[in-house]
Amino acid sequence: MAYKDIAKGWIWRDGDFVRWEDATIHVMSHVVHYGSSVFEGIRCYDGPAGPAVFRHLDHMNRLAASAKIYRMEIPYSVDELIEANRELLRRNDLREGYLRPIVVRGTGAVGVNPQGSPIWTFLICWPWGAYLGADALEKGVDACVSTWFRPAPNTFPSLAKAGGNYLNSQLVKMEAVANGYHEGIAVGPEGLLSEGSGQNVFLVKGGVLLTPQLDGTMLGGITRNTIIHLAEDAGIEVREGPVPREMLYTADEVFFAGTAAEVTPVRTVDRVTVGEGKPGPVTMQLQKAYLDLVKGVSEDPYGWRDSVPWPEAAVAD
């Protein structure tokens, strides 16, 4: 999806709704020069009971945590931002789509020290379908292990969802696409599995669900956490720990999990067929459980769906 396909409607900027074309920053903003931003990616799904944002509070709490790690004081409470997200969806008449809250350092300091730069907060939304393609959820994707490693612990704080961290992810993704794959998988500095360019990774071996532990090289994904809960609810054993690269080739199943990617099966890794070369039964069981939950088809025992009150006629101007 290109910018031109979504550049319309309203954006929330520090308490006011402005048109897309007016939500601008200056080229001298600190974020432009030094990548000083934190952000979230959140999905809203339109279900039988109306639109609902999935794990809204968890995402916004992580935004606040990311900002805290980077010493960025957001001048709004989590509750205020959640309500602004709801109003943003209504104002854009978007019952199902993607939310992108982002906090940046603006124009002020011209050096690396950001403390002279103001904090600007934006909330954005747009329609977004399957992240890795229309057939990805059903047929799976081809992945490769990237030559780019994830950063070592205590270098970049990987538990913060920060814009600068995604420079590494861009290299992982571009390399994968250039070599004919849909997605890349990165390892950490010790050569153990870390994460995809924007998703966590799960493997299935002998009916057991395996995923790398939070080791300081990757983001603790909210979808990752959701899948672990759903697996445990289904009686599937879950193990978090070190995962060697070669287990990707010998696993019965591999899949990505993320807000954008949802639950996407992986059919090959480095052109080695995973299992039978098609989405496996555990992957599809968890994919169905996940999509039924986020879309409001199944019960929500955790209270993760944040219903968005919707007027009969959306706000228009």
C-alpha atoms as a PDB file:
ATOM      1  CA  MET A   1       0.000   0.000   0.000  1.00  0.00           C
ATOM      2  CA  ALA A   2       1.357   3.405  -0.990  1.00  0.00           C
ATOM      3  CA  TYR A   3       0.996   6.732   0.782  1.00  0.00           C
ATOM      4  CA  LYS A   4      -1.187   8.088  -2.021  1.00  0.00           C
ATOM      5  CA  ASP A   5      -3.730   5.345  -1.335  1.00  0.00           C
ATOM      6  CA  ILE A   6      -4.314   6.373   2.278  1.00  0.00           C
ATOM      7  CA  ALA A   7      -3.539  10.117   2.401  1.00  0.00           C
ATOM      8  CA  LYS A   8      -6.994  11.405   3.197  1.00  0.00           C
ATOM      9  CA  GLY A   9      -9.199  12.220   6.132  1.00  0.00           C
ATOM     10  CA  TRP A  10      -8.107  13.357   9.563  1.00  0.00           C
ATOM     11  CA  ILE A  11      -5.082  13.051  11.841  1.00  0.00           C
ATOM     12  CA  TRP A  12      -5.019  13.922  15.543  1.00  0.00           C
ATOM     13  CA  ARG A  13      -2.133  16.249  16.355  1.00  0.00           C
ATOM     14  CA  ASP A  14      -1.600  17.318  19.957  1.00  0.00           C
ATOM     15  CA  GLY A  15      -5.268  17.603  20.779  1.00  0.00           C
ATOM     16  CA  ASP A  16      -6.596  18.894  17.459  1.00  0.00           C
ATOM     17  CA  PHE A  17      -7.894  17.137  14.360  1.00  0.00           C
ATOM     18  CA  VAL A  18      -6.140  18.312  11.206  1.00  0.00           C
ATOM     19  CA  ARG A  19      -6.299  17.211   7.587  1.00  0.00           C
ATOM     20  CA  TRP A  20      -3.738  14.688   6.377  1.00  0.00           C
ATOM     21  CA  GLU A  21      -1.975  17.283   4.258  1.00  0.00           C
ATOM     22  CA  ASP A  22      -1.626  19.619   7.225  1.00  0.00           C
ATOM     23  CA  ALA A  23      -0.083  17.095   9.652  1.00  0.00           C
ATOM     24  CA  THR A  24       3.497  18.100   8.846  1.00  0.00           C
ATOM     25  CA  ILE A  25       6.806  18.519  10.668  1.00  0.00           C
ATOM     26  CA  HIS A  26       9.852  20.621   9.806  1.00  0.00           C
ATOM     27  CA  VAL A  27      12.935  19.126   8.175  1.00  0.00           C
ATOM     28  CA  MET A  28      14.920  20.320  11.200  1.00  0.00           C
ATOM     29  CA  SER A  29      12.866  18.219  13.580  1.00  0.00           C
ATOM     30  CA  HIS A  30      15.065  16.060  15.777  1.00  0.00           C
ATOM     31  CA  VAL A  31      13.257  12.915  14.648  1.00  0.00           C
ATOM     32  CA  VAL A  32      14.279  13.517  11.028  1.00  0.00           C
ATOM     33  CA  HIS A  33      17.976  13.640  11.882  1.00  0.00           C
ATOM     34  CA  TYR A  34      18.239  11.129  14.717  1.00  0.00           C
ATOM     35  CA  GLY A  35      15.228   8.802  14.518  1.00  0.00           C
ATOM     36  CA  SER A  36      13.874   9.947  17.873  1.00  0.00           C
ATOM     37  CA  SER A  37      10.339   8.579  17.855  1.00  0.00           C
ATOM     38  CA  VAL A  38       8.264   5.869  19.497  1.00  0.00           C
ATOM     39  CA  PHE A  39       5.110   4.426  18.006  1.00  0.00           C
ATOM     40  CA  GLU A  40       2.511   1.670  18.005  1.00  0.00           C
ATOM     41  CA  GLY A  41       0.633  -0.382  15.448  1.00  0.00           C
ATOM     42  CA  ILE A  42      -2.918  -1.330  16.441  1.00  0.00           C
ATOM     43  CA  ARG A  43      -5.787  -2.930  14.551  1.00  0.00           C
ATOM     44  CA  CYS A  44      -9.479  -2.178  14.772  1.00  0.00           C
ATOM     45  CA  TYR A  45     -11.833  -4.903  13.547  1.00  0.00           C
ATOM     46  CA  ASP A  46     -15.504  -4.550  12.669  1.00  0.00           C
ATOM     47  CA  GLY A  47     -17.381  -7.478  14.194  1.00  0.00           C
ATOM     48  CA  PRO A  48     -20.945  -8.545  14.913  1.00  0.00           C
ATOM     49  CA  ALA A  49     -21.124  -6.136  17.857  1.00  0.00           C
ATOM     50  CA  GLY A  50     -19.518  -3.282  15.919  1.00  0.00           C
ATOM     51  CA  PRO A  51     -15.958  -2.006  15.671  1.00  0.00           C
ATOM     52  CA  ALA A  52     -13.476  -2.819  18.430  1.00  0.00           C
ATOM     53  CA  VAL A  53      -9.788  -2.040  18.870  1.00  0.00           C
ATOM     54  CA  PHE A  54      -7.837  -5.136  19.846  1.00  0.00           C
ATOM     55  CA  ARG A  55      -5.758  -4.841  23.026  1.00  0.00           C
ATOM     56  CA  HIS A  56      -6.047  -1.075  22.851  1.00  0.00           C
ATOM     57  CA  LEU A  57      -4.919  -0.470  26.437  1.00  0.00           C
ATOM     58  CA  ASP A  58      -1.939  -2.812  26.130  1.00  0.00           C
ATOM     59  CA  HIS A  59      -0.707  -1.052  23.004  1.00  0.00           C
ATOM     60  CA  MET A  60      -1.064   2.402  24.489  1.00  0.00           C
ATOM     61  CA  ASN A  61       0.618   1.321  27.711  1.00  0.00           C
ATOM     62  CA  ARG A  62       3.521   0.037  25.613  1.00  0.00           C
ATOM     63  CA  LEU A  63       3.674   3.394  23.830  1.00  0.00           C
ATOM     64  CA  ALA A  64       3.970   5.100  27.207  1.00  0.00           C
ATOM     65  CA  ALA A  65       6.638   2.589  28.291  1.00  0.00           C
ATOM     66  CA  SER A  66       8.630   3.133  25.094  1.00  0.00           C
ATOM     67  CA  ALA A  67       8.489   6.890  25.653  1.00  0.00           C
ATOM     68  CA  LYS A  68       9.635   6.460  29.247  1.00  0.00           C
ATOM     69  CA  ILE A  69      12.653   4.417  28.170  1.00  0.00           C
ATOM     70  CA  TYR A  70      13.661   7.212  25.784  1.00  0.00           C
ATOM     71  CA  ARG A  71      12.955   9.964  28.339  1.00  0.00           C
ATOM     72  CA  MET A  72      10.089  11.367  26.291  1.00  0.00           C
ATOM     73  CA  GLU A  73       7.319  12.859  28.437  1.00  0.00           C
ATOM     74  CA  ILE A  74       4.017  12.502  26.581  1.00  0.00           C
ATOM     75  CA  PRO A  75       1.751  15.369  27.708  1.00  0.00           C
ATOM     76  CA  TYR A  76      -1.371  13.177  27.531  1.00  0.00           C
ATOM     77  CA  SER A  77      -2.579  10.285  29.622  1.00  0.00           C
ATOM     78  CA  VAL A  78      -3.099   6.825  28.177  1.00  0.00           C
ATOM     79  CA  ASP A  79      -6.854   7.231  28.724  1.00  0.00           C
ATOM     80  CA  GLU A  80      -6.870  10.520  26.812  1.00  0.00           C
ATOM     81  CA  LEU A  81      -5.035   8.961  23.881  1.00  0.00           C
ATOM     82  CA  ILE A  82      -7.357   5.949  23.835  1.00  0.00           C
ATOM     83  CA  GLU A  83     -10.411   8.192  23.641  1.00  0.00           C
ATOM     84  CA  ALA A  84      -8.737  10.273  20.923  1.00  0.00           C
ATOM     85  CA  ASN A  85      -8.101   7.072  18.931  1.00  0.00           C
ATOM     86  CA  ARG A  86     -11.777   6.175  19.144  1.00  0.00           C
ATOM     87  CA  GLU A  87     -12.808   9.618  17.947  1.00  0.00           C
ATOM     88  CA  LEU A  88     -10.226   9.467  15.164  1.00  0.00           C
ATOM     89  CA  LEU A  89     -11.753   6.237  13.845  1.00  0.00           C
ATOM     90  CA  ARG A  90     -15.247   7.737  13.952  1.00  0.00           C
ATOM     91  CA  ARG A  91     -14.156  10.981  12.309  1.00  0.00           C
ATOM     92  CA  ASN A  92     -12.542   9.027   9.463  1.00  0.00           C
ATOM     93  CA  ASP A  93     -15.542   6.670   9.240  1.00  0.00           C
ATOM     94  CA  LEU A  94     -13.100   3.761   9.583  1.00  0.00           C
ATOM     95  CA  ARG A  95     -14.780   0.808  11.242  1.00  0.00           C
ATOM     96  CA  GLU A  96     -11.902  -1.531  10.407  1.00  0.00           C
ATOM     97  CA  GLY A  97      -8.305  -0.508   9.901  1.00  0.00           C
ATOM     98  CA  TYR A  98      -4.927   0.284  11.383  1.00  0.00           C
ATOM     99  CA  LEU A  99      -4.047   2.832  14.054  1.00  0.00           C
ATOM    100  CA  ARG A 100      -0.598   4.417  14.263  1.00  0.00           C
ATOM    101  CA  PRO A 101       0.033   6.515  17.378  1.00  0.00           C
ATOM    102  CA  ILE A 102       3.473   8.131  17.111  1.00  0.00           C
ATOM    103  CA  VAL A 103       5.402  10.413  19.445  1.00  0.00           C
ATOM    104  CA  VAL A 104       8.321  12.375  17.984  1.00  0.00           C
ATOM    105  CA  ARG A 105      10.893  14.921  19.055  1.00  0.00           C
ATOM    106  CA  GLY A 106      10.271  18.113  17.135  1.00  0.00           C
ATOM    107  CA  THR A 107      12.219  21.223  16.175  1.00  0.00           C
ATOM    108  CA  GLY A 108      14.618  22.447  18.816  1.00  0.00           C
ATOM    109  CA  ALA A 109      17.958  20.771  19.481  1.00  0.00           C
ATOM    110  CA  VAL A 110      20.271  20.403  16.479  1.00  0.00           C
ATOM    111  CA  GLY A 111      22.694  17.990  18.142  1.00  0.00           C
ATOM    112  CA  VAL A 112      22.344  14.444  19.390  1.00  0.00           C
ATOM    113  CA  ASN A 113      21.151  15.557  22.842  1.00  0.00           C
ATOM    114  CA  PRO A 114      17.376  15.791  22.302  1.00  0.00           C
ATOM    115  CA  GLN A 115      16.385  17.605  25.470  1.00  0.00           C
ATOM    116  CA  GLY A 116      15.852  20.951  23.766  1.00  0.00           C
ATOM    117  CA  SER A 117      13.265  19.500  21.383  1.00  0.00           C
ATOM    118  CA  PRO A 118       9.513  19.526  22.079  1.00  0.00           C
ATOM    119  CA  ILE A 119       7.462  16.329  22.159  1.00  0.00           C
ATOM    120  CA  TRP A 120       4.799  16.110  19.451  1.00  0.00           C
ATOM    121  CA  THR A 121       2.089  13.451  19.487  1.00  0.00           C
ATOM    122  CA  PHE A 122       0.166  12.267  16.431  1.00  0.00           C
ATOM    123  CA  LEU A 123      -2.595   9.665  16.020  1.00  0.00           C
ATOM    124  CA  ILE A 124      -3.152   8.305  12.514  1.00  0.00           C
ATOM    125  CA  CYS A 125      -5.419   5.637  11.019  1.00  0.00           C
ATOM    126  CA  TRP A 126      -5.908   4.061   7.624  1.00  0.00           C
ATOM    127  CA  PRO A 127      -7.425   0.951   5.966  1.00  0.00           C
ATOM    128  CA  TRP A 128      -4.987  -1.973   5.857  1.00  0.00           C
ATOM    129  CA  GLY A 129      -5.571  -5.539   4.754  1.00  0.00           C
ATOM    130  CA  ALA A 130      -3.256  -8.547   4.978  1.00  0.00           C
ATOM    131  CA  TYR A 131       0.257  -7.219   5.607  1.00  0.00           C
ATOM    132  CA  LEU A 132       2.127  -9.903   3.647  1.00  0.00           C
ATOM    133  CA  GLY A 133      -0.375 -10.204   0.807  1.00  0.00           C
ATOM    134  CA  ALA A 134      -3.899 -11.413   0.169  1.00  0.00           C
ATOM    135  CA  ASP A 135      -2.936 -15.106   0.008  1.00  0.00           C
ATOM    136  CA  ALA A 136      -0.446 -15.081   2.872  1.00  0.00           C
ATOM    137  CA  LEU A 137      -2.828 -16.117   5.633  1.00  0.00           C
ATOM    138  CA  GLU A 138      -4.174 -19.035   3.622  1.00  0.00           C
ATOM    139  CA  LYS A 139      -1.138 -20.273   1.668  1.00  0.00           C
ATOM    140  CA  GLY A 140       1.804 -19.093   3.730  1.00  0.00           C
ATOM    141  CA  VAL A 141       4.931 -17.162   2.780  1.00  0.00           C
ATOM    142  CA  ASP A 142       8.569 -17.817   1.929  1.00  0.00           C
ATOM    143  CA  ALA A 143      11.134 -16.496   4.392  1.00  0.00           C
ATOM    144  CA  CYS A 144      14.902 -16.362   4.739  1.00  0.00           C
ATOM    145  CA  VAL A 145      17.354 -15.941   7.581  1.00  0.00           C
ATOM    146  CA  SER A 146      18.825 -12.474   7.194  1.00  0.00           C
ATOM    147  CA  THR A 147      22.525 -11.665   7.100  1.00  0.00           C
ATOM    148  CA  TRP A 148      21.656  -8.690   9.326  1.00  0.00           C
ATOM    149  CA  PHE A 149      21.716  -9.484  13.051  1.00  0.00           C
ATOM    150  CA  ARG A 150      19.474  -7.910  15.662  1.00  0.00           C
ATOM    151  CA  PRO A 151      21.361  -5.618  18.058  1.00  0.00           C
ATOM    152  CA  ALA A 152      22.892  -7.015  21.215  1.00  0.00           C
ATOM    153  CA  PRO A 153      21.261  -6.376  24.592  1.00  0.00           C
ATOM    154  CA  ASN A 154      22.167  -3.036  26.154  1.00  0.00           C
ATOM    155  CA  THR A 155      22.817  -1.421  22.768  1.00  0.00           C
ATOM    156  CA  PHE A 156      19.368  -0.413  21.523  1.00  0.00           C
ATOM    157  CA  PRO A 157      16.510  -1.036  23.983  1.00  0.00           C
ATOM    158  CA  SER A 158      14.604  -3.604  21.977  1.00  0.00           C
ATOM    159  CA  LEU A 159      11.603  -3.623  24.306  1.00  0.00           C
ATOM    160  CA  ALA A 160      10.937  -0.040  23.220  1.00  0.00           C
ATOM    161  CA  LYS A 161       9.029   0.238  19.962  1.00  0.00           C
ATOM    162  CA  ALA A 162      11.199   3.063  18.660  1.00  0.00           C
ATOM    163  CA  GLY A 163      11.495   4.367  15.120  1.00  0.00           C
ATOM    164  CA  GLY A 164      15.297   4.141  15.088  1.00  0.00           C
ATOM    165  CA  ASN A 165      15.173   0.437  15.922  1.00  0.00           C
ATOM    166  CA  TYR A 166      13.431  -0.193  12.614  1.00  0.00           C
ATOM    167  CA  LEU A 167      16.429   0.825  10.529  1.00  0.00           C
ATOM    168  CA  ASN A 168      17.682  -2.685  11.227  1.00  0.00           C
ATOM    169  CA  SER A 169      14.270  -4.086  10.289  1.00  0.00           C
ATOM    170  CA  GLN A 170      14.356  -2.206   6.992  1.00  0.00           C
ATOM    171  CA  LEU A 171      17.630  -3.892   6.065  1.00  0.00           C
ATOM    172  CA  VAL A 172      16.198  -7.305   6.973  1.00  0.00           C
ATOM    173  CA  LYS A 173      13.076  -6.702   4.888  1.00  0.00           C
ATOM    174  CA  MET A 174      14.809  -5.197   1.844  1.00  0.00           C
ATOM    175  CA  GLU A 175      17.360  -8.002   1.704  1.00  0.00           C
ATOM    176  CA  ALA A 176      14.607 -10.623   1.865  1.00  0.00           C
ATOM    177  CA  VAL A 177      12.538  -9.016  -0.897  1.00  0.00           C
ATOM    178  CA  ALA A 178      15.609  -8.454  -3.109  1.00  0.00           C
ATOM    179  CA  ASN A 179      16.374 -12.156  -2.862  1.00  0.00           C
ATOM    180  CA  GLY A 180      12.856 -13.285  -3.775  1.00  0.00           C
ATOM    181  CA  TYR A 181      11.371 -13.876  -0.317  1.00  0.00           C
ATOM    182  CA  HIS A 182       8.359 -12.354   1.367  1.00  0.00           C
ATOM    183  CA  GLU A 183      10.016 -11.808   4.731  1.00  0.00           C
ATOM    184  CA  GLY A 184      13.270 -12.083   6.649  1.00  0.00           C
ATOM    185  CA  ILE A 185      14.073 -13.636  10.013  1.00  0.00           C
ATOM    186  CA  ALA A 186      16.866 -12.143  12.067  1.00  0.00           C
ATOM    187  CA  VAL A 187      19.119 -13.825  14.593  1.00  0.00           C
ATOM    188  CA  GLY A 188      20.648 -12.167  17.622  1.00  0.00           C
ATOM    189  CA  PRO A 189      24.364 -11.550  18.197  1.00  0.00           C
ATOM    190  CA  GLU A 190      24.811 -15.107  19.510  1.00  0.00           C
ATOM    191  CA  GLY A 191      23.270 -16.616  16.365  1.00  0.00           C
ATOM    192  CA  LEU A 192      20.012 -17.659  18.033  1.00  0.00           C
ATOM    193  CA  LEU A 193      16.602 -16.828  16.566  1.00  0.00           C
ATOM    194  CA  SER A 194      15.283 -13.368  17.406  1.00  0.00           C
ATOM    195  CA  GLU A 195      12.376 -12.056  15.302  1.00  0.00           C
ATOM    196  CA  GLY A 196      11.178 -11.094  11.836  1.00  0.00           C
ATOM    197  CA  SER A 197      11.480  -7.589  10.443  1.00  0.00           C
ATOM    198  CA  GLY A 198       8.234  -6.653  12.170  1.00  0.00           C
ATOM    199  CA  GLN A 199       6.843  -9.853  13.673  1.00  0.00           C
ATOM    200  CA  ASN A 200       7.654 -12.477  16.258  1.00  0.00           C
ATOM    201  CA  VAL A 201       8.408 -16.044  15.180  1.00  0.00           C
ATOM    202  CA  PHE A 202       6.868 -19.316  16.385  1.00  0.00           C
ATOM    203  CA  LEU A 203       7.789 -22.917  15.589  1.00  0.00           C
ATOM    204  CA  VAL A 204       5.886 -26.144  16.144  1.00  0.00           C
ATOM    205  CA  LYS A 205       7.792 -29.367  16.814  1.00  0.00           C
ATOM    206  CA  GLY A 206       6.087 -32.552  17.946  1.00  0.00           C
ATOM    207  CA  GLY A 207       2.967 -30.626  18.930  1.00  0.00           C
ATOM    208  CA  VAL A 208       4.918 -28.213  21.147  1.00  0.00           C
ATOM    209  CA  LEU A 209       4.873 -24.472  20.404  1.00  0.00           C
ATOM    210  CA  LEU A 210       8.338 -22.896  20.584  1.00  0.00           C
ATOM    211  CA  THR A 211       9.273 -19.213  20.487  1.00  0.00           C
ATOM    212  CA  PRO A 212      12.434 -17.270  21.325  1.00  0.00           C
ATOM    213  CA  GLN A 213      12.572 -15.857  24.830  1.00  0.00           C
ATOM    214  CA  LEU A 214      12.682 -12.120  25.500  1.00  0.00           C
ATOM    215  CA  ASP A 215      16.465 -11.788  25.522  1.00  0.00           C
ATOM    216  CA  GLY A 216      17.051  -8.110  24.837  1.00  0.00           C
ATOM    217  CA  THR A 217      17.265  -8.513  21.040  1.00  0.00           C
ATOM    218  CA  MET A 218      13.585  -8.286  20.137  1.00  0.00           C
ATOM    219  CA  LEU A 219      10.282  -6.592  20.837  1.00  0.00           C
ATOM    220  CA  GLY A 220       7.891  -8.272  23.242  1.00  0.00           C
ATOM    221  CA  GLY A 221       5.001  -8.486  20.818  1.00  0.00           C
ATOM    222  CA  ILE A 222       1.438  -8.072  22.014  1.00  0.00           C
ATOM    223  CA  THR A 223       0.298 -10.565  19.371  1.00  0.00           C
ATOM    224  CA  ARG A 224       3.062 -12.889  20.614  1.00  0.00           C
ATOM    225  CA  ASN A 225       1.557 -12.673  24.076  1.00  0.00           C
ATOM    226  CA  THR A 226      -1.933 -13.273  22.660  1.00  0.00           C
ATOM    227  CA  ILE A 227      -0.821 -16.413  20.813  1.00  0.00           C
ATOM    228  CA  ILE A 228       0.820 -17.811  23.942  1.00  0.00           C
ATOM    229  CA  HIS A 229      -2.436 -17.319  25.867  1.00  0.00           C
ATOM    230  CA  LEU A 230      -4.535 -18.877  23.092  1.00  0.00           C
ATOM    231  CA  ALA A 231      -2.204 -21.862  22.819  1.00  0.00           C
ATOM    232  CA  GLU A 232      -2.283 -22.477  26.537  1.00  0.00           C
ATOM    233  CA  ASP A 233      -6.077 -22.165  26.525  1.00  0.00           C
ATOM    234  CA  ALA A 234      -6.161 -24.847  23.804  1.00  0.00           C
ATOM    235  CA  GLY A 235      -3.951 -27.194  25.812  1.00  0.00           C
ATOM    236  CA  ILE A 236      -0.908 -26.693  23.573  1.00  0.00           C
ATOM    237  CA  GLU A 237       2.409 -26.780  25.430  1.00  0.00           C
ATOM    238  CA  VAL A 238       4.368 -23.536  25.008  1.00  0.00           C
ATOM    239  CA  ARG A 239       8.113 -23.229  25.538  1.00  0.00           C
ATOM    240  CA  GLU A 240       9.960 -19.909  25.514  1.00  0.00           C
ATOM    241  CA  GLY A 241      13.721 -20.188  25.324  1.00  0.00           C
ATOM    242  CA  PRO A 242      16.789 -20.150  23.094  1.00  0.00           C
ATOM    243  CA  VAL A 243      15.974 -21.387  19.583  1.00  0.00           C
ATOM    244  CA  PRO A 244      18.849 -22.376  17.240  1.00  0.00           C
ATOM    245  CA  ARG A 245      18.563 -21.273  13.617  1.00  0.00           C
ATOM    246  CA  GLU A 246      18.556 -24.844  12.302  1.00  0.00           C
ATOM    247  CA  MET A 247      15.294 -25.601  14.075  1.00  0.00           C
ATOM    248  CA  LEU A 248      13.598 -23.510  11.383  1.00  0.00           C
ATOM    249  CA  TYR A 249      14.515 -26.230   8.871  1.00  0.00           C
ATOM    250  CA  THR A 250      13.473 -29.185  11.011  1.00  0.00           C
ATOM    251  CA  ALA A 251      10.303 -27.736  12.544  1.00  0.00           C
ATOM    252  CA  ASP A 252       6.948 -29.211  11.634  1.00  0.00           C
ATOM    253  CA  GLU A 253       5.479 -25.713  11.308  1.00  0.00           C
ATOM    254  CA  VAL A 254       6.676 -22.101  11.418  1.00  0.00           C
ATOM    255  CA  PHE A 255       4.590 -18.937  11.539  1.00  0.00           C
ATOM    256  CA  PHE A 256       4.866 -15.203  12.100  1.00  0.00           C
ATOM    257  CA  ALA A 257       2.729 -13.354  14.631  1.00  0.00           C
ATOM    258  CA  GLY A 258       2.215  -9.599  14.765  1.00  0.00           C
ATOM    259  CA  THR A 259      -0.469  -6.931  14.722  1.00  0.00           C
ATOM    260  CA  ALA A 260       0.077  -6.259  11.025  1.00  0.00           C
ATOM    261  CA  ALA A 261       0.994  -9.825  10.006  1.00  0.00           C
ATOM    262  CA  GLU A 262      -1.662 -11.397  12.294  1.00  0.00           C
ATOM    263  CA  VAL A 263      -0.883 -15.151  12.137  1.00  0.00           C
ATOM    264  CA  THR A 264       0.949 -15.852   8.882  1.00  0.00           C
ATOM    265  CA  PRO A 265       2.210 -19.372   8.082  1.00  0.00           C
ATOM    266  CA  VAL A 266       5.749 -19.831   6.724  1.00  0.00           C
ATOM    267  CA  ARG A 267       6.007 -22.549   4.080  1.00  0.00           C
ATOM    268  CA  THR A 268       9.759 -22.345   3.326  1.00  0.00           C
ATOM    269  CA  VAL A 269      12.842 -20.930   5.036  1.00  0.00           C
ATOM    270  CA  ASP A 270      15.950 -20.384   2.901  1.00  0.00           C
ATOM    271  CA  ARG A 271      14.157 -22.461   0.244  1.00  0.00           C
ATOM    272  CA  VAL A 272      13.993 -25.411   2.629  1.00  0.00           C
ATOM    273  CA  THR A 273      10.438 -26.733   2.867  1.00  0.00           C
ATOM    274  CA  VAL A 274       8.908 -26.396   6.311  1.00  0.00           C
ATOM    275  CA  GLY A 275       6.981 -29.548   7.219  1.00  0.00           C
ATOM    276  CA  GLU A 276       4.765 -30.403   4.265  1.00  0.00           C
ATOM    277  CA  GLY A 277       5.248 -27.010   2.624  1.00  0.00           C
ATOM    278  CA  LYS A 278       1.822 -25.735   3.567  1.00  0.00           C
ATOM    279  CA  PRO A 279       0.188 -24.245   6.661  1.00  0.00           C
ATOM    280  CA  GLY A 280       0.147 -26.850   9.409  1.00  0.00           C
ATOM    281  CA  PRO A 281      -2.700 -27.833  11.747  1.00  0.00           C
ATOM    282  CA  VAL A 282      -1.423 -26.046  14.867  1.00  0.00           C
ATOM    283  CA  THR A 283      -0.763 -22.858  12.908  1.00  0.00           C
ATOM    284  CA  MET A 284      -4.224 -22.911  11.386  1.00  0.00           C
ATOM    285  CA  GLN A 285      -5.849 -23.716  14.731  1.00  0.00           C
ATOM    286  CA  LEU A 286      -4.166 -20.720  16.346  1.00  0.00           C
ATOM    287  CA  GLN A 287      -4.819 -18.507  13.328  1.00  0.00           C
ATOM    288  CA  LYS A 288      -8.527 -19.291  13.505  1.00  0.00           C
ATOM    289  CA  ALA A 289      -8.628 -18.752  17.267  1.00  0.00           C
ATOM    290  CA  TYR A 290      -6.834 -15.429  16.865  1.00  0.00           C
ATOM    291  CA  LEU A 291      -8.947 -14.105  13.984  1.00  0.00           C
ATOM    292  CA  ASP A 292     -12.193 -15.240  15.630  1.00  0.00           C
ATOM    293  CA  LEU A 293     -11.156 -13.395  18.780  1.00  0.00           C
ATOM    294  CA  VAL A 294     -10.067 -10.120  17.185  1.00  0.00           C
ATOM    295  CA  LYS A 295     -13.094 -10.039  14.878  1.00  0.00           C
ATOM    296  CA  GLY A 296     -15.574 -10.620  17.663  1.00  0.00           C
ATOM    297  CA  VAL A 297     -16.714 -14.025  16.415  1.00  0.00           C
ATOM    298  CA  SER A 298     -15.673 -15.848  19.601  1.00  0.00           C
ATOM    299  CA  GLU A 299     -15.915 -14.963  23.267  1.00  0.00           C
ATOM    300  CA  ASP A 300     -13.401 -12.507  24.719  1.00  0.00           C
ATOM    301  CA  PRO A 301     -12.508 -13.919  28.166  1.00  0.00           C
ATOM    302  CA  TYR A 302      -9.626 -11.482  28.619  1.00  0.00           C
ATOM    303  CA  GLY A 303     -11.541  -8.309  27.808  1.00  0.00           C
ATOM    304  CA  TRP A 304      -9.133  -7.469  25.012  1.00  0.00           C
ATOM    305  CA  ARG A 305     -11.642  -6.020  22.541  1.00  0.00           C
ATOM    306  CA  ASP A 306     -12.215  -2.318  23.189  1.00  0.00           C
ATOM    307  CA  SER A 307     -15.582  -1.520  21.625  1.00  0.00           C
ATOM    308  CA  VAL A 308     -15.770   1.808  19.822  1.00  0.00           C
ATOM    309  CA  PRO A 309     -19.185   3.469  20.234  1.00  0.00           C
ATOM    310  CA  TRP A 310     -20.384   4.307  16.752  1.00  0.00           C
ATOM    311  CA  PRO A 311     -23.032   6.852  15.782  1.00  0.00           C
ATOM    312  CA  GLU A 312     -25.530   6.028  13.093  1.00  0.00           C
ATOM    313  CA  ALA A 313     -23.838   8.555  10.812  1.00  0.00           C
ATOM    314  CA  ALA A 314     -20.071   9.052  10.955  1.00  0.00           C
ATOM    315  CA  VAL A 315     -18.733  12.557  11.556  1.00  0.00           C
ATOM    316  CA  ALA A 316     -18.121  14.281   8.248  1.00  0.00           C
ATOM    317  CA  ASP A 317     -16.870  17.614   7.031  1.00  0.00           C
END
